[in-house]
PDB file of N, CA and C in Angstrom:
ATOM      1  N   MET A   1     -14.695 -49.018-142.850  1.00  0.00           N
ATOM      2  CA  MET A   1     -15.773 -48.264-143.455  1.00  0.00           C
ATOM      3  C   MET A   1     -17.089 -49.031-143.380  1.00  0.00           C
ATOM      4  N   GLU A   2     -16.992 -50.353-143.474  1.00  0.00           N
ATOM      5  CA  GLU A   2     -18.203 -51.172-143.421  1.00  0.00           C
ATOM      6  C   GLU A   2     -18.924 -51.015-142.079  1.00  0.00           C
ATOM      7  N   THR A   3     -18.155 -50.957-140.997  1.00  0.00           N
ATOM      8  CA  THR A   3     -18.741 -50.798-139.670  1.00  0.00           C
ATOM      9  C   THR A   3     -19.505 -49.490-139.576  1.00  0.00           C
ATOM     10  N   LYS A   4     -18.915 -48.406-140.066  1.00  0.00           N
ATOM     11  CA  LYS A   4     -19.571 -47.102-140.032  1.00  0.00           C
ATOM     12  C   LYS A   4     -20.863 -47.114-140.847  1.00  0.00           C
ATOM     13  N   ASN A   5     -20.829 -47.744-142.012  1.00  0.00           N
ATOM     14  CA  ASN A   5     -22.028 -47.838-142.853  1.00  0.00           C
ATOM     15  C   ASN A   5     -23.122 -48.650-142.174  1.00  0.00           C
ATOM     16  N   THR A   6     -22.730 -49.741-141.537  1.00  0.00           N
ATOM     17  CA  THR A   6     -23.709 -50.588-140.844  1.00  0.00           C
ATOM     18  C   THR A   6     -24.307 -49.853-139.653  1.00  0.00           C
ATOM     19  N   LEU A   7     -23.474 -49.110-138.936  1.00  0.00           N
ATOM     20  CA  LEU A   7     -23.969 -48.332-137.805  1.00  0.00           C
ATOM     21  C   LEU A   7     -24.944 -47.250-138.282  1.00  0.00           C
ATOM     22  N   SER A   8     -24.623 -46.608-139.382  1.00  0.00           N
ATOM     23  CA  SER A   8     -25.522 -45.598-139.959  1.00  0.00           C
ATOM     24  C   SER A   8     -26.830 -46.227-140.417  1.00  0.00           C
ATOM     25  N   LYS A   9     -26.738 -47.413-141.019  1.00  0.00           N
ATOM     26  CA  LYS A   9     -27.940 -48.122-141.470  1.00  0.00           C
ATOM     27  C   LYS A   9     -28.821 -48.492-140.278  1.00  0.00           C
ATOM     28  N   ALA A  10     -28.201 -48.953-139.198  1.00  0.00           N
ATOM     29  CA  ALA A  10     -28.961 -49.300-137.991  1.00  0.00           C
ATOM     30  C   ALA A  10     -29.677 -48.072-137.438  1.00  0.00           C
ATOM     31  N   ALA A  11     -28.985 -46.932-137.421  1.00  0.00           N
ATOM     32  CA  ALA A  11     -29.602 -45.694-136.930  1.00  0.00           C
ATOM     33  C   ALA A  11     -30.788 -45.290-137.807  1.00  0.00           C
ATOM     34  N   LEU A  12     -30.641 -45.431-139.117  1.00  0.00           N
ATOM     35  CA  LEU A  12     -31.725 -45.086-140.038  1.00  0.00           C
ATOM     36  C   LEU A  12     -32.919 -46.019-139.852  1.00  0.00           C
ATOM     37  N   LEU A  13     -32.653 -47.319-139.747  1.00  0.00           N
ATOM     38  CA  LEU A  13     -33.734 -48.282-139.522  1.00  0.00           C
ATOM     39  C   LEU A  13     -34.480 -47.970-138.227  1.00  0.00           C
ATOM     40  N   TYR A  14     -33.721 -47.631-137.197  1.00  0.00           N
ATOM     41  CA  TYR A  14     -34.333 -47.301-135.908  1.00  0.00           C
ATOM     42  C   TYR A  14     -35.247 -46.089-136.050  1.00  0.00           C
ATOM     43  N   LYS A  15     -34.765 -45.056-136.712  1.00  0.00           N
ATOM     44  CA  LYS A  15     -35.558 -43.836-136.907  1.00  0.00           C
ATOM     45  C   LYS A  15     -36.810 -44.107-137.728  1.00  0.00           C
ATOM     46  N   GLN A  16     -36.720 -45.070-138.641  1.00  0.00           N
ATOM     47  CA  GLN A  16     -37.866 -45.419-139.484  1.00  0.00           C
ATOM     48  C   GLN A  16     -38.842 -46.355-138.784  1.00  0.00           C
ATOM     49  N   GLY A  17     -38.488 -46.758-137.567  1.00  0.00           N
ATOM     50  CA  GLY A  17     -39.387 -47.601-136.783  1.00  0.00           C
ATOM     51  C   GLY A  17     -39.112 -49.093-136.883  1.00  0.00           C
ATOM     52  N   ASP A  18     -38.100 -49.480-137.628  1.00  0.00           N
ATOM     53  CA  ASP A  18     -37.754 -50.896-137.741  1.00  0.00           C
ATOM     54  C   ASP A  18     -36.716 -51.240-136.674  1.00  0.00           C
ATOM     55  N   VAL A  19     -37.165 -51.181-135.423  1.00  0.00           N
ATOM     56  CA  VAL A  19     -36.275 -51.340-134.274  1.00  0.00           C
ATOM     57  C   VAL A  19     -35.666 -52.739-134.215  1.00  0.00           C
ATOM     58  N   ASN A  20     -36.451 -53.742-134.554  1.00  0.00           N
ATOM     59  CA  ASN A  20     -35.930 -55.111-134.478  1.00  0.00           C
ATOM     60  C   ASN A  20     -34.796 -55.350-135.468  1.00  0.00           C
ATOM     61  N   GLU A  21     -34.935 -54.816-136.686  1.00  0.00           N
ATOM     62  CA  GLU A  21     -33.860 -54.976-137.673  1.00  0.00           C
ATOM     63  C   GLU A  21     -32.636 -54.169-137.254  1.00  0.00           C
ATOM     64  N   ALA A  22     -32.854 -52.988-136.715  1.00  0.00           N
ATOM     65  CA  ALA A  22     -31.741 -52.171-136.214  1.00  0.00           C
ATOM     66  C   ALA A  22     -31.017 -52.908-135.094  1.00  0.00           C
ATOM     67  N   LEU A  23     -31.781 -53.519-134.207  1.00  0.00           N
ATOM     68  CA  LEU A  23     -31.196 -54.270-133.095  1.00  0.00           C
ATOM     69  C   LEU A  23     -30.343 -55.427-133.603  1.00  0.00           C
ATOM     70  N   LYS A  24     -30.826 -56.144-134.618  1.00  0.00           N
ATOM     71  CA  LYS A  24     -30.049 -57.253-135.186  1.00  0.00           C
ATOM     72  C   LYS A  24     -28.713 -56.760-135.730  1.00  0.00           C
ATOM     73  N   LEU A  25     -28.744 -55.639-136.446  1.00  0.00           N
ATOM     74  CA  LEU A  25     -27.496 -55.093-136.989  1.00  0.00           C
ATOM     75  C   LEU A  25     -26.528 -54.704-135.872  1.00  0.00           C
ATOM     76  N   LEU A  26     -27.054 -54.058-134.840  1.00  0.00           N
ATOM     77  CA  LEU A  26     -26.206 -53.633-133.725  1.00  0.00           C
ATOM     78  C   LEU A  26     -25.629 -54.825-132.973  1.00  0.00           C
ATOM     79  N   GLU A  27     -26.433 -55.853-132.778  1.00  0.00           N
ATOM     80  CA  GLU A  27     -25.937 -57.050-132.086  1.00  0.00           C
ATOM     81  C   GLU A  27     -24.834 -57.732-132.899  1.00  0.00           C
ATOM     82  N   ASP A  28     -24.986 -57.763-134.230  1.00  0.00           N
ATOM     83  CA  ASP A  28     -23.929 -58.320-135.084  1.00  0.00           C
ATOM     84  C   ASP A  28     -22.673 -57.449-135.024  1.00  0.00           C
ATOM     85  N   LEU A  29     -22.883 -56.137-135.026  1.00  0.00           N
ATOM     86  CA  LEU A  29     -21.746 -55.215-134.977  1.00  0.00           C
ATOM     87  C   LEU A  29     -20.933 -55.370-133.695  1.00  0.00           C
ATOM     88  N   VAL A  30     -21.622 -55.515-132.576  1.00  0.00           N
ATOM     89  CA  VAL A  30     -20.897 -55.610-131.304  1.00  0.00           C
ATOM     90  C   VAL A  30     -20.136 -56.934-131.203  1.00  0.00           C
ATOM     91  N   ILE A  31     -20.607 -57.955-131.893  1.00  0.00           N
ATOM     92  CA  ILE A  31     -19.878 -59.234-131.915  1.00  0.00           C
ATOM     93  C   ILE A  31     -18.565 -59.067-132.683  1.00  0.00           C
ATOM     94  N   SER A  32     -18.640 -58.369-133.810  1.00  0.00           N
ATOM     95  CA  SER A  32     -17.434 -58.196-134.621  1.00  0.00           C
ATOM     96  C   SER A  32     -16.565 -57.021-134.151  1.00  0.00           C
ATOM     97  N   ASN A  33     -17.119 -56.155-133.300  1.00  0.00           N
ATOM     98  CA  ASN A  33     -16.389 -54.992-132.778  1.00  0.00           C
ATOM     99  C   ASN A  33     -16.632 -54.838-131.280  1.00  0.00           C
ATOM    100  N   PRO A  34     -16.263 -55.830-130.488  1.00  0.00           N
ATOM    101  CA  PRO A  34     -16.592 -55.779-129.056  1.00  0.00           C
ATOM    102  C   PRO A  34     -15.902 -54.645-128.300  1.00  0.00           C
ATOM    103  N   ASP A  35     -14.834 -54.101-128.865  1.00  0.00           N
ATOM    104  CA  ASP A  35     -14.098 -53.038-128.181  1.00  0.00           C
ATOM    105  C   ASP A  35     -14.455 -51.643-128.678  1.00  0.00           C
ATOM    106  N   SER A  36     -15.604 -51.518-129.324  1.00  0.00           N
ATOM    107  CA  SER A  36     -16.066 -50.212-129.786  1.00  0.00           C
ATOM    108  C   SER A  36     -17.013 -49.607-128.743  1.00  0.00           C
ATOM    109  N   SER A  37     -16.573 -48.521-128.137  1.00  0.00           N
ATOM    110  CA  SER A  37     -17.427 -47.871-127.142  1.00  0.00           C
ATOM    111  C   SER A  37     -18.682 -47.303-127.801  1.00  0.00           C
ATOM    112  N   LYS A  38     -18.553 -46.796-129.015  1.00  0.00           N
ATOM    113  CA  LYS A  38     -19.702 -46.213-129.713  1.00  0.00           C
ATOM    114  C   LYS A  38     -20.773 -47.269-130.009  1.00  0.00           C
ATOM    115  N   ILE A  39     -20.353 -48.422-130.483  1.00  0.00           N
ATOM    116  CA  ILE A  39     -21.317 -49.482-130.779  1.00  0.00           C
ATOM    117  C   ILE A  39     -21.957 -49.978-129.495  1.00  0.00           C
ATOM    118  N   ASN A  40     -21.164 -50.163-128.442  1.00  0.00           N
ATOM    119  CA  ASN A  40     -21.727 -50.607-127.163  1.00  0.00           C
ATOM    120  C   ASN A  40     -22.722 -49.595-126.609  1.00  0.00           C
ATOM    121  N   ALA A  41     -22.409 -48.312-126.705  1.00  0.00           N
ATOM    122  CA  ALA A  41     -23.321 -47.278-126.195  1.00  0.00           C
ATOM    123  C   ALA A  41     -24.597 -47.207-127.032  1.00  0.00           C
ATOM    124  N   THR A  42     -24.461 -47.324-128.342  1.00  0.00           N
ATOM    125  CA  THR A  42     -25.640 -47.299-129.213  1.00  0.00           C
ATOM    126  C   THR A  42     -26.528 -48.501-128.937  1.00  0.00           C
ATOM    127  N   LEU A  43     -25.919 -49.655-128.772  1.00  0.00           N
ATOM    128  CA  LEU A  43     -26.674 -50.859-128.446  1.00  0.00           C
ATOM    129  C   LEU A  43     -27.344 -50.716-127.080  1.00  0.00           C
ATOM    130  N   ALA A  44     -26.638 -50.154-126.124  1.00  0.00           N
ATOM    131  CA  ALA A  44     -27.208 -49.932-124.791  1.00  0.00           C
ATOM    132  C   ALA A  44     -28.442 -49.045-124.864  1.00  0.00           C
ATOM    133  N   ASN A  45     -28.356 -47.963-125.620  1.00  0.00           N
ATOM    134  CA  ASN A  45     -29.515 -47.073-125.766  1.00  0.00           C
ATOM    135  C   ASN A  45     -30.688 -47.765-126.445  1.00  0.00           C
ATOM    136  N   THR A  46     -30.396 -48.626-127.409  1.00  0.00           N
ATOM    137  CA  THR A  46     -31.457 -49.370-128.088  1.00  0.00           C
ATOM    138  C   THR A  46     -32.129 -50.337-127.125  1.00  0.00           C
ATOM    139  N   TYR A  47     -31.324 -51.065-126.364  1.00  0.00           N
ATOM    140  CA  TYR A  47     -31.899 -51.957-125.349  1.00  0.00           C
ATOM    141  C   TYR A  47     -32.727 -51.168-124.335  1.00  0.00           C
ATOM    142  N   LEU A  48     -32.230 -50.011-123.939  1.00  0.00           N
ATOM    143  CA  LEU A  48     -32.962 -49.177-122.987  1.00  0.00           C
ATOM    144  C   LEU A  48     -34.316 -48.764-123.555  1.00  0.00           C
ATOM    145  N   ASP A  49     -34.327 -48.336-124.805  1.00  0.00           N
ATOM    146  CA  ASP A  49     -35.592 -47.954-125.448  1.00  0.00           C
ATOM    147  C   ASP A  49     -36.568 -49.127-125.530  1.00  0.00           C
ATOM    148  N   LEU A  50     -36.024 -50.336-125.662  1.00  0.00           N
ATOM    149  CA  LEU A  50     -36.858 -51.536-125.727  1.00  0.00           C
ATOM    150  C   LEU A  50     -37.139 -52.125-124.341  1.00  0.00           C
ATOM    151  N   GLU A  51     -36.629 -51.450-123.310  1.00  0.00           N
ATOM    152  CA  GLU A  51     -36.797 -51.855-121.914  1.00  0.00           C
ATOM    153  C   GLU A  51     -36.202 -53.231-121.624  1.00  0.00           C
ATOM    154  N   ILE A  52     -35.071 -53.509-122.251  1.00  0.00           N
ATOM    155  CA  ILE A  52     -34.298 -54.718-121.971  1.00  0.00           C
ATOM    156  C   ILE A  52     -33.148 -54.259-121.068  1.00  0.00           C
ATOM    157  N   MET A  53     -33.491 -54.102-119.801  1.00  0.00           N
ATOM    158  CA  MET A  53     -32.626 -53.379-118.877  1.00  0.00           C
ATOM    159  C   MET A  53     -31.303 -54.071-118.562  1.00  0.00           C
ATOM    160  N   ASP A  54     -31.306 -55.389-118.417  1.00  0.00           N
ATOM    161  CA  ASP A  54     -30.061 -56.069-118.063  1.00  0.00           C
ATOM    162  C   ASP A  54     -29.016 -55.923-119.171  1.00  0.00           C
ATOM    163  N   LYS A  55     -29.448 -56.013-120.408  1.00  0.00           N
ATOM    164  CA  LYS A  55     -28.517 -55.864-121.526  1.00  0.00           C
ATOM    165  C   LYS A  55     -28.109 -54.395-121.708  1.00  0.00           C
ATOM    166  N   ALA A  56     -29.037 -53.479-121.464  1.00  0.00           N
ATOM    167  CA  ALA A  56     -28.703 -52.052-121.544  1.00  0.00           C
ATOM    168  C   ALA A  56     -27.592 -51.733-120.545  1.00  0.00           C
ATOM    169  N   LEU A  57     -27.745 -52.185-119.315  1.00  0.00           N
ATOM    170  CA  LEU A  57     -26.739 -51.933-118.284  1.00  0.00           C
ATOM    171  C   LEU A  57     -25.386 -52.519-118.678  1.00  0.00           C
ATOM    172  N   LYS A  58     -25.390 -53.747-119.150  1.00  0.00           N
ATOM    173  CA  LYS A  58     -24.147 -54.420-119.557  1.00  0.00           C
ATOM    174  C   LYS A  58     -23.389 -53.590-120.593  1.00  0.00           C
ATOM    175  N   HIS A  59     -24.090 -53.073-121.583  1.00  0.00           N
ATOM    176  CA  HIS A  59     -23.421 -52.354-122.668  1.00  0.00           C
ATOM    177  C   HIS A  59     -23.084 -50.910-122.294  1.00  0.00           C
ATOM    178  N   PHE A  60     -23.868 -50.293-121.408  1.00  0.00           N
ATOM    179  CA  PHE A  60     -23.468 -48.980-120.897  1.00  0.00           C
ATOM    180  C   PHE A  60     -22.164 -49.108-120.111  1.00  0.00           C
ATOM    181  N   ILE A  61     -22.070 -50.122-119.270  1.00  0.00           N
ATOM    182  CA  ILE A  61     -20.855 -50.342-118.485  1.00  0.00           C
ATOM    183  C   ILE A  61     -19.673 -50.616-119.409  1.00  0.00           C
ATOM    184  N   LYS A  62     -19.874 -51.465-120.395  1.00  0.00           N
ATOM    185  CA  LYS A  62     -18.800 -51.800-121.335  1.00  0.00           C
ATOM    186  C   LYS A  62     -18.316 -50.542-122.066  1.00  0.00           C
ATOM    187  N   ALA A  63     -19.247 -49.699-122.506  1.00  0.00           N
ATOM    188  CA  ALA A  63     -18.873 -48.473-123.223  1.00  0.00           C
ATOM    189  C   ALA A  63     -18.038 -47.550-122.338  1.00  0.00           C
ATOM    190  N   THR A  64     -18.423 -47.424-121.074  1.00  0.00           N
ATOM    191  CA  THR A  64     -17.666 -46.542-120.175  1.00  0.00           C
ATOM    192  C   THR A  64     -16.317 -47.148-119.799  1.00  0.00           C
ATOM    193  N   GLU A  65     -16.234 -48.461-119.726  1.00  0.00           N
ATOM    194  CA  GLU A  65     -14.943 -49.110-119.451  1.00  0.00           C
ATOM    195  C   GLU A  65     -13.989 -48.942-120.633  1.00  0.00           C
ATOM    196  N   LEU A  66     -14.524 -49.032-121.850  1.00  0.00           N
ATOM    197  CA  LEU A  66     -13.693 -48.916-123.042  1.00  0.00           C
ATOM    198  C   LEU A  66     -13.169 -47.495-123.251  1.00  0.00           C
ATOM    199  N   ASP A  67     -14.001 -46.521-122.898  1.00  0.00           N
ATOM    200  CA  ASP A  67     -13.613 -45.124-123.095  1.00  0.00           C
ATOM    201  C   ASP A  67     -14.059 -44.304-121.886  1.00  0.00           C
ATOM    202  N   PRO A  68     -13.312 -44.391-120.789  1.00  0.00           N
ATOM    203  CA  PRO A  68     -13.703 -43.723-119.545  1.00  0.00           C
ATOM    204  C   PRO A  68     -13.838 -42.206-119.653  1.00  0.00           C
ATOM    205  N   LYS A  69     -13.191 -41.608-120.637  1.00  0.00           N
ATOM    206  CA  LYS A  69     -13.252 -40.148-120.770  1.00  0.00           C
ATOM    207  C   LYS A  69     -14.389 -39.681-121.673  1.00  0.00           C
ATOM    208  N   TRP A  70     -15.112 -40.625-122.275  1.00  0.00           N
ATOM    209  CA  TRP A  70     -16.208 -40.257-123.173  1.00  0.00           C
ATOM    210  C   TRP A  70     -17.431 -39.910-122.333  1.00  0.00           C
ATOM    211  N   GLU A  71     -17.693 -38.647-122.210  1.00  0.00           N
ATOM    212  CA  GLU A  71     -18.750 -38.169-121.321  1.00  0.00           C
ATOM    213  C   GLU A  71     -20.135 -38.658-121.737  1.00  0.00           C
ATOM    214  N   ALA A  72     -20.383 -38.790-123.030  1.00  0.00           N
ATOM    215  CA  ALA A  72     -21.702 -39.236-123.482  1.00  0.00           C
ATOM    216  C   ALA A  72     -22.029 -40.637-122.964  1.00  0.00           C
ATOM    217  N   ALA A  73     -21.043 -41.525-122.991  1.00  0.00           N
ATOM    218  CA  ALA A  73     -21.264 -42.882-122.480  1.00  0.00           C
ATOM    219  C   ALA A  73     -21.482 -42.857-120.975  1.00  0.00           C
ATOM    220  N   SER A  74     -20.672 -42.063-120.283  1.00  0.00           N
ATOM    221  CA  SER A  74     -20.815 -41.941-118.836  1.00  0.00           C
ATOM    222  C   SER A  74     -22.185 -41.371-118.461  1.00  0.00           C
ATOM    223  N   LEU A  75     -22.619 -40.368-119.197  1.00  0.00           N
ATOM    224  CA  LEU A  75     -23.937 -39.788-118.924  1.00  0.00           C
ATOM    225  C   LEU A  75     -25.061 -40.768-119.243  1.00  0.00           C
ATOM    226  N   GLY A  76     -24.862 -41.587-120.273  1.00  0.00           N
ATOM    227  CA  GLY A  76     -25.850 -42.622-120.580  1.00  0.00           C
ATOM    228  C   GLY A  76     -26.005 -43.579-119.409  1.00  0.00           C
ATOM    229  N   LEU A  77     -24.869 -44.021-118.857  1.00  0.00           N
ATOM    230  CA  LEU A  77     -24.905 -44.905-117.693  1.00  0.00           C
ATOM    231  C   LEU A  77     -25.512 -44.190-116.496  1.00  0.00           C
ATOM    232  N   PHE A  78     -25.128 -42.938-116.292  1.00  0.00           N
ATOM    233  CA  PHE A  78     -25.687 -42.139-115.196  1.00  0.00           C
ATOM    234  C   PHE A  78     -27.211 -42.085-115.292  1.00  0.00           C
ATOM    235  N   HIS A  79     -27.728 -41.725-116.454  1.00  0.00           N
ATOM    236  CA  HIS A  79     -29.180 -41.607-116.611  1.00  0.00           C
ATOM    237  C   HIS A  79     -29.881 -42.958-116.487  1.00  0.00           C
ATOM    238  N   PHE A  80     -29.229 -44.004-116.974  1.00  0.00           N
ATOM    239  CA  PHE A  80     -29.795 -45.343-116.809  1.00  0.00           C
ATOM    240  C   PHE A  80     -29.932 -45.674-115.327  1.00  0.00           C
ATOM    241  N   LEU A  81     -28.842 -45.500-114.576  1.00  0.00           N
ATOM    242  CA  LEU A  81     -28.867 -45.810-113.140  1.00  0.00           C
ATOM    243  C   LEU A  81     -29.872 -44.931-112.401  1.00  0.00           C
ATOM    244  N   TRP A  82     -29.895 -43.657-112.741  1.00  0.00           N
ATOM    245  CA  TRP A  82     -30.835 -42.732-112.091  1.00  0.00           C
ATOM    246  C   TRP A  82     -32.272 -43.178-112.347  1.00  0.00           C
ATOM    247  N   GLY A  83     -32.552 -43.567-113.571  1.00  0.00           N
ATOM    248  CA  GLY A  83     -33.893 -44.023-113.933  1.00  0.00           C
ATOM    249  C   GLY A  83     -34.291 -45.325-113.258  1.00  0.00           C
ATOM    250  N   GLN A  84     -33.307 -46.084-112.810  1.00  0.00           N
ATOM    251  CA  GLN A  84     -33.568 -47.336-112.099  1.00  0.00           C
ATOM    252  C   GLN A  84     -33.582 -47.129-110.584  1.00  0.00           C
ATOM    253  N   ASP A  85     -33.654 -45.853-110.165  1.00  0.00           N
ATOM    254  CA  ASP A  85     -33.630 -45.469-108.748  1.00  0.00           C
ATOM    255  C   ASP A  85     -32.351 -45.917-108.042  1.00  0.00           C
ATOM    256  N   LYS A  86     -31.270 -45.978-108.790  1.00  0.00           N
ATOM    257  CA  LYS A  86     -29.955 -46.275-108.213  1.00  0.00           C
ATOM    258  C   LYS A  86     -29.179 -44.964-108.159  1.00  0.00           C
ATOM    259  N   ARG A  87     -29.712 -44.049-107.336  1.00  0.00           N
ATOM    260  CA  ARG A  87     -29.198 -42.690-107.297  1.00  0.00           C
ATOM    261  C   ARG A  87     -27.747 -42.607-106.822  1.00  0.00           C
ATOM    262  N   VAL A  88     -27.398 -43.353-105.792  1.00  0.00           N
ATOM    263  CA  VAL A  88     -26.031 -43.312-105.265  1.00  0.00           C
ATOM    264  C   VAL A  88     -25.057 -43.812-106.331  1.00  0.00           C
ATOM    265  N   GLU A  89     -25.391 -44.936-106.978  1.00  0.00           N
ATOM    266  CA  GLU A  89     -24.523 -45.471-108.021  1.00  0.00           C
ATOM    267  C   GLU A  89     -24.388 -44.481-109.172  1.00  0.00           C
ATOM    268  N   ALA A  90     -25.494 -43.817-109.514  1.00  0.00           N
ATOM    269  CA  ALA A  90     -25.470 -42.831-110.598  1.00  0.00           C
ATOM    270  C   ALA A  90     -24.540 -41.676-110.249  1.00  0.00           C
ATOM    271  N   LEU A  91     -24.632 -41.180-109.030  1.00  0.00           N
ATOM    272  CA  LEU A  91     -23.778 -40.069-108.623  1.00  0.00           C
ATOM    273  C   LEU A  91     -22.314 -40.480-108.550  1.00  0.00           C
ATOM    274  N   ILE A  92     -22.072 -41.708-108.119  1.00  0.00           N
ATOM    275  CA  ILE A  92     -20.694 -42.205-108.084  1.00  0.00           C
ATOM    276  C   ILE A  92     -20.150 -42.315-109.502  1.00  0.00           C
ATOM    277  N   GLU A  93     -20.950 -42.839-110.419  1.00  0.00           N
ATOM    278  CA  GLU A  93     -20.531 -42.952-111.819  1.00  0.00           C
ATOM    279  C   GLU A  93     -20.184 -41.584-112.375  1.00  0.00           C
ATOM    280  N   HIS A  94     -21.043 -40.663-112.183  1.00  0.00           N
ATOM    281  CA  HIS A  94     -20.817 -39.334-112.741  1.00  0.00           C
ATOM    282  C   HIS A  94     -19.726 -38.591-111.972  1.00  0.00           C
ATOM    283  N   GLY A  95     -19.757 -38.683-110.680  1.00  0.00           N
ATOM    284  CA  GLY A  95     -18.785 -37.964-109.861  1.00  0.00           C
ATOM    285  C   GLY A  95     -17.381 -38.481-109.998  1.00  0.00           C
ATOM    286  N   GLY A  96     -17.236 -39.765-110.215  1.00  0.00           N
ATOM    287  CA  GLY A  96     -15.905 -40.330-110.349  1.00  0.00           C
ATOM    288  C   GLY A  96     -15.186 -39.848-111.589  1.00  0.00           C
ATOM    289  N   LYS A  97     -15.938 -39.564-112.652  1.00  0.00           N
ATOM    290  CA  LYS A  97     -15.323 -39.168-113.904  1.00  0.00           C
ATOM    291  C   LYS A  97     -15.428 -37.680-114.165  1.00  0.00           C
ATOM    292  N   HIS A  98     -16.393 -37.039-113.529  1.00  0.00           N
ATOM    293  CA  HIS A  98     -16.656 -35.633-113.829  1.00  0.00           C
ATOM    294  C   HIS A  98     -16.823 -34.850-112.532  1.00  0.00           C
ATOM    295  N   ARG A  99     -15.957 -35.135-111.580  1.00  0.00           N
ATOM    296  CA  ARG A  99     -16.057 -34.541-110.252  1.00  0.00           C
ATOM    297  C   ARG A  99     -16.073 -33.014-110.309  1.00  0.00           C
ATOM    298  N   HIS A 100     -15.330 -32.424-111.230  1.00  0.00           N
ATOM    299  CA  HIS A 100     -15.275 -30.975-111.311  1.00  0.00           C
ATOM    300  C   HIS A 100     -16.654 -30.374-111.567  1.00  0.00           C
ATOM    301  N   SER A 101     -17.467 -31.004-112.423  1.00  0.00           N
ATOM    302  CA  SER A 101     -18.788 -30.456-112.709  1.00  0.00           C
ATOM    303  C   SER A 101     -19.742 -30.689-111.542  1.00  0.00           C
ATOM    304  N   LEU A 102     -19.538 -31.770-110.809  1.00  0.00           N
ATOM    305  CA  LEU A 102     -20.401 -32.021-109.658  1.00  0.00           C
ATOM    306  C   LEU A 102     -20.102 -31.052-108.527  1.00  0.00           C
ATOM    307  N   PHE A 103     -18.810 -30.780-108.292  1.00  0.00           N
ATOM    308  CA  PHE A 103     -18.474 -29.836-107.231  1.00  0.00           C
ATOM    309  C   PHE A 103     -19.027 -28.459-107.540  1.00  0.00           C
ATOM    310  N   GLY A 104     -18.995 -28.087-108.798  1.00  0.00           N
ATOM    311  CA  GLY A 104     -19.518 -26.784-109.193  1.00  0.00           C
ATOM    312  C   GLY A 104     -21.008 -26.654-108.929  1.00  0.00           C
ATOM    313  N   LYS A 105     -21.703 -27.764-108.898  1.00  0.00           N
ATOM    314  CA  LYS A 105     -23.143 -27.751-108.657  1.00  0.00           C
ATOM    315  C   LYS A 105     -23.474 -28.079-107.205  1.00  0.00           C
ATOM    316  N   GLY A 106     -22.467 -28.305-106.399  1.00  0.00           N
ATOM    317  CA  GLY A 106     -22.693 -28.604-104.994  1.00  0.00           C
ATOM    318  C   GLY A 106     -22.990 -30.062-104.721  1.00  0.00           C
ATOM    319  N   ILE A 107     -23.077 -30.875-105.750  1.00  0.00           N
ATOM    320  CA  ILE A 107     -23.418 -32.284-105.547  1.00  0.00           C
ATOM    321  C   ILE A 107     -22.262 -33.018-104.882  1.00  0.00           C
ATOM    322  N   GLY A 108     -21.035 -32.630-105.212  1.00  0.00           N
ATOM    323  CA  GLY A 108     -19.871 -33.302-104.652  1.00  0.00           C
ATOM    324  C   GLY A 108     -19.748 -33.141-103.153  1.00  0.00           C
ATOM    325  N   ARG A 109     -20.508 -32.231-102.582  1.00  0.00           N
ATOM    326  CA  ARG A 109     -20.449 -32.006-101.135  1.00  0.00           C
ATOM    327  C   ARG A 109     -21.390 -32.932-100.364  1.00  0.00           C
ATOM    328  N   VAL A 110     -22.183 -33.700-101.079  1.00  0.00           N
ATOM    329  CA  VAL A 110     -23.120 -34.610-100.427  1.00  0.00           C
ATOM    330  C   VAL A 110     -22.338 -35.786 -99.865  1.00  0.00           C
ATOM    331  N   ALA A 111     -22.535 -36.055 -98.592  1.00  0.00           N
ATOM    332  CA  ALA A 111     -21.818 -37.178 -97.957  1.00  0.00           C
ATOM    333  C   ALA A 111     -22.417 -38.489 -98.431  1.00  0.00           C
ATOM    334  N   PRO A 112     -21.573 -39.500 -98.618  1.00  0.00           N
ATOM    335  CA  PRO A 112     -22.099 -40.799 -98.999  1.00  0.00           C
ATOM    336  C   PRO A 112     -22.924 -41.387 -97.865  1.00  0.00           C
ATOM    337  N   PRO A 113     -23.828 -42.282 -98.191  1.00  0.00           N
ATOM    338  CA  PRO A 113     -24.655 -42.877 -97.137  1.00  0.00           C
ATOM    339  C   PRO A 113     -23.806 -43.681 -96.165  1.00  0.00           C
ATOM    340  N   ALA A 114     -24.232 -43.701 -94.926  1.00  0.00           N
ATOM    341  CA  ALA A 114     -23.514 -44.479 -93.913  1.00  0.00           C
ATOM    342  C   ALA A 114     -23.693 -45.958 -94.186  1.00  0.00           C
ATOM    343  N   VAL A 115     -22.619 -46.705 -94.027  1.00  0.00           N
ATOM    344  CA  VAL A 115     -22.672 -48.144 -94.213  1.00  0.00           C
ATOM    345  C   VAL A 115     -22.574 -48.763 -92.815  1.00  0.00           C
ATOM    346  N   PRO A 116     -23.605 -49.494 -92.397  1.00  0.00           N
ATOM    347  CA  PRO A 116     -23.561 -50.096 -91.061  1.00  0.00           C
ATOM    348  C   PRO A 116     -22.339 -50.996 -90.887  1.00  0.00           C
ATOM    349  N   GLY A 117     -21.696 -50.865 -89.772  1.00  0.00           N
ATOM    350  CA  GLY A 117     -20.567 -51.727 -89.438  1.00  0.00           C
ATOM    351  C   GLY A 117     -19.248 -51.279 -90.034  1.00  0.00           C
ATOM    352  N   VAL A 118     -19.254 -50.139 -90.708  1.00  0.00           N
ATOM    353  CA  VAL A 118     -17.995 -49.678 -91.319  1.00  0.00           C
ATOM    354  C   VAL A 118     -17.521 -48.447 -90.608  1.00  0.00           C
TER     355      VAL A 118
END
């Protein structure tokens, strides 16, 4: 219950504009709960908002590894990669887990880029 309360407090602090205090709470939470996909994804979004890209990527990846079926985490990673102009990686991330939705939109029919020498 303490983890949920701390996560709620961090969200409230963030909404109130106290991003640094929210970040401290989230960083402490992820240390004590490293296997929580929700905490990793929330921390990733906070880092992204603060433009701390290397840490955002690390925690988006961790969240998707912990819960591969959680679409919100996967979409967070997808949008992060897309925003970093890593379009192929973004499509692979999304397509690997949600291929059915990509095929329905015709995206799954896009051939991967040619790799020289392969």
